[in-house]
Protein backbone atom coordinates (compact mmCIF):
# COMPACT_ATOMS: atom_id res chain seq x y z
CA UNK A 1 8.99 47.31 -2.50
CA UNK A 2 12.48 47.00 -1.08
CA UNK A 3 15.23 46.12 -3.64
CA UNK A 4 16.24 42.84 -2.17
CA UNK A 5 16.55 39.19 -3.34
CA UNK A 6 15.38 36.22 -1.31
CA UNK A 7 15.45 32.43 -2.05
CA UNK A 8 13.71 29.50 -0.51
CA UNK A 9 15.77 26.62 0.24
CA UNK A 10 16.93 24.75 -2.81
CA UNK A 11 16.05 21.06 -3.04
CA UNK A 12 17.27 19.53 -6.39
CA UNK A 13 14.30 17.53 -6.78
CA UNK A 14 11.28 19.39 -5.35
CA UNK A 15 12.28 22.84 -6.69
CA UNK A 16 13.23 26.28 -5.60
CA UNK A 17 12.03 30.02 -6.16
CA UNK A 18 14.10 33.08 -6.30
CA UNK A 19 12.37 36.58 -6.01
CA UNK A 20 14.33 39.67 -7.08
CA UNK A 21 13.32 43.45 -7.18
CA UNK A 22 15.41 44.78 -9.86
CA UNK A 23 15.79 48.17 -11.53
CA UNK A 24 16.52 47.87 -15.24
CA UNK A 25 18.04 50.68 -17.25
CA UNK A 26 19.01 50.88 -20.84
CA UNK A 27 22.43 49.14 -21.61
CA UNK A 28 24.85 48.41 -24.39
CA UNK A 29 27.12 45.87 -22.90
CA UNK A 30 26.10 42.37 -21.98
CA UNK A 31 26.63 41.54 -18.30
CA UNK A 32 25.63 39.07 -15.67
CA UNK A 33 23.49 40.56 -13.20
CA UNK A 34 23.19 37.78 -10.73
CA UNK A 35 25.06 34.45 -10.37
CA UNK A 36 25.63 31.20 -8.35
CA UNK A 37 28.62 29.55 -9.70
CA UNK A 38 27.68 26.12 -11.25
CA UNK A 39 24.00 26.64 -10.55
CA UNK A 40 22.39 29.90 -12.10
CA UNK A 41 23.28 32.92 -14.23
CA UNK A 42 20.94 35.85 -14.82
CA UNK A 43 22.13 38.32 -17.59
CA UNK A 44 21.11 41.22 -19.69
CA UNK A 45 22.28 41.00 -23.19
CA UNK A 46 21.56 42.57 -26.67
CA UNK A 47 20.22 39.71 -28.77
CA UNK A 48 20.72 39.76 -32.83
CA UNK A 49 17.28 40.98 -34.16
CA UNK A 50 17.63 38.72 -36.99
CA UNK A 51 18.31 35.48 -35.03
CA UNK A 52 15.45 33.31 -34.24
CA UNK A 53 17.46 30.00 -33.85
CA UNK A 54 17.51 29.77 -29.99
CA UNK A 55 14.52 32.02 -29.08
CA UNK A 56 11.88 34.06 -30.75
CA UNK A 57 13.31 37.19 -29.13
CA UNK A 58 13.16 39.26 -32.21
CA UNK A 59 9.41 39.14 -31.78
CA UNK A 60 9.85 41.82 -29.03
CA UNK A 61 11.99 44.55 -30.29
CA UNK A 62 12.43 47.95 -28.81
CA UNK A 63 11.13 50.95 -30.99
CA UNK A 64 14.69 51.53 -32.24
CA UNK A 65 14.95 47.91 -33.50
CA UNK A 66 17.25 46.73 -30.82
CA UNK A 67 16.34 43.38 -28.82
CA UNK A 68 17.66 43.62 -25.32
CA UNK A 69 16.82 40.44 -23.26
CA UNK A 70 16.88 39.20 -19.72
CA UNK A 71 17.81 35.72 -19.23
CA UNK A 72 18.18 33.13 -16.57
CA UNK A 73 20.33 30.12 -17.36
CA UNK A 74 19.88 27.17 -14.74
CA UNK A 75 22.64 24.53 -15.08
CA UNK A 76 20.92 21.04 -14.87
CA UNK A 77 22.48 17.52 -14.86
CA UNK A 78 20.79 15.02 -17.05
CA UNK A 79 22.43 11.61 -17.22
CA UNK A 80 24.60 12.81 -20.22
CA UNK A 81 26.12 15.76 -18.39
CA UNK A 82 25.65 19.34 -17.29
CA UNK A 83 23.64 21.65 -19.65
CA UNK A 84 22.09 25.00 -19.15
CA UNK A 85 18.42 25.45 -19.63
CA UNK A 86 17.60 29.17 -20.31
CA UNK A 87 14.49 31.20 -19.96
CA UNK A 88 14.14 34.78 -20.90
CA UNK A 89 12.22 37.70 -22.30
CA UNK A 90 12.88 40.45 -24.73
CA UNK A 91 12.39 43.75 -22.84
CA UNK A 92 10.35 45.15 -25.63
CA UNK A 93 7.49 42.88 -24.65
CA UNK A 94 7.20 44.56 -21.22
CA UNK A 95 4.66 47.31 -20.95
CA UNK A 96 7.41 49.43 -19.18
CA UNK A 97 11.01 47.88 -19.81
CA UNK A 98 13.06 50.40 -17.83
CA UNK A 99 12.50 50.80 -14.17
CA UNK A 100 11.59 48.63 -11.14
CA UNK A 101 10.42 45.14 -11.72
CA UNK A 102 9.80 42.04 -9.69
CA UNK A 103 11.49 39.09 -11.24
CA UNK A 104 10.59 35.40 -9.96
CA UNK A 105 12.63 32.53 -11.13
CA UNK A 106 10.92 29.16 -10.26
CA UNK A 107 12.13 25.68 -10.73
CA UNK A 108 9.39 23.21 -9.84
CA UNK A 109 11.31 20.02 -10.59
CA UNK A 110 9.38 19.66 -13.78
CA UNK A 111 9.54 23.34 -15.24
CA UNK A 112 11.95 26.20 -15.08
CA UNK A 113 9.96 29.57 -15.12
CA UNK A 114 10.56 33.34 -15.40
CA UNK A 115 7.91 35.78 -14.07
CA UNK A 116 8.24 39.46 -14.57
CA UNK A 117 5.87 41.59 -12.40
CA UNK A 118 3.50 38.61 -11.68
CA UNK A 119 3.43 37.76 -15.40
CA UNK A 120 4.75 34.39 -16.88
CA UNK A 121 7.00 35.40 -19.58
CA UNK A 122 8.77 32.10 -20.31
CA UNK A 123 8.72 28.35 -19.29
CA UNK A 124 10.81 25.34 -20.27
CA UNK A 125 10.28 21.76 -19.27
CA UNK A 126 13.24 20.42 -17.26
CA UNK A 127 15.59 17.71 -18.70
CA UNK A 128 17.47 17.15 -15.36
CA UNK A 129 17.89 18.52 -11.96
CA UNK A 130 20.43 21.17 -10.50
CA UNK A 131 23.31 19.53 -9.00
CA UNK A 132 22.84 17.89 -5.64
CA UNK A 133 23.79 20.40 -2.76
CA UNK A 134 22.95 23.62 -4.86
CA UNK A 135 21.38 25.19 -1.92
CA UNK A 136 24.60 25.40 -0.18
CA UNK A 137 25.77 27.73 -3.12
CA UNK A 138 23.25 30.50 -2.18
CA UNK A 139 25.58 32.40 0.17
CA UNK A 140 27.93 32.61 -2.78
CA UNK A 141 25.47 34.53 -5.06
CA UNK A 142 26.95 37.55 -6.75
CA UNK A 143 24.81 40.34 -7.64
CA UNK A 144 26.01 43.31 -9.88
CA UNK A 145 24.41 46.15 -8.00
CA UNK A 146 25.36 48.69 -10.73
CA UNK A 147 23.08 46.81 -13.12
CA UNK A 148 20.15 45.87 -11.04
CA UNK A 149 19.82 48.52 -8.27
CA UNK A 150 20.19 45.51 -5.79
CA UNK A 151 22.53 45.88 -2.92
CA UNK A 152 25.54 43.61 -3.30
CA UNK A 153 25.33 40.28 -1.54
CA UNK A 154 21.47 40.46 -1.18
CA UNK A 155 20.56 36.95 -1.24
């Protein structure tokens, strides 16, 4: 697989799909690995292994007890104002957390989903839609090539 990211055209109501081949390596510092300002943020972060308030990430710790997670936050606009809807996976739940993976992020208009290596790892149901014209933001996508193995500006 080539390490590239592609995206279908984004339509706020009918949905979109983003496909990325990424290479993950152990990390200590939280960092955004891909972002579209005002639309999408994909990050790697260390989750508190005792905090189950937001997600049940502690159910997937690494052997050393740490809980590194891969998350994608989509900014949605319900009537009451912008809010992020986040899907993610603790990397300890993946059979091989480090190395190459295919990540698919899909917004169907009804659900926000994350797939890793063709396996659905998280789904949440939408409470709004991305801002109108979100597709125009794709050329401004920023990719942190040092964290993903992706070339910069690969969307």
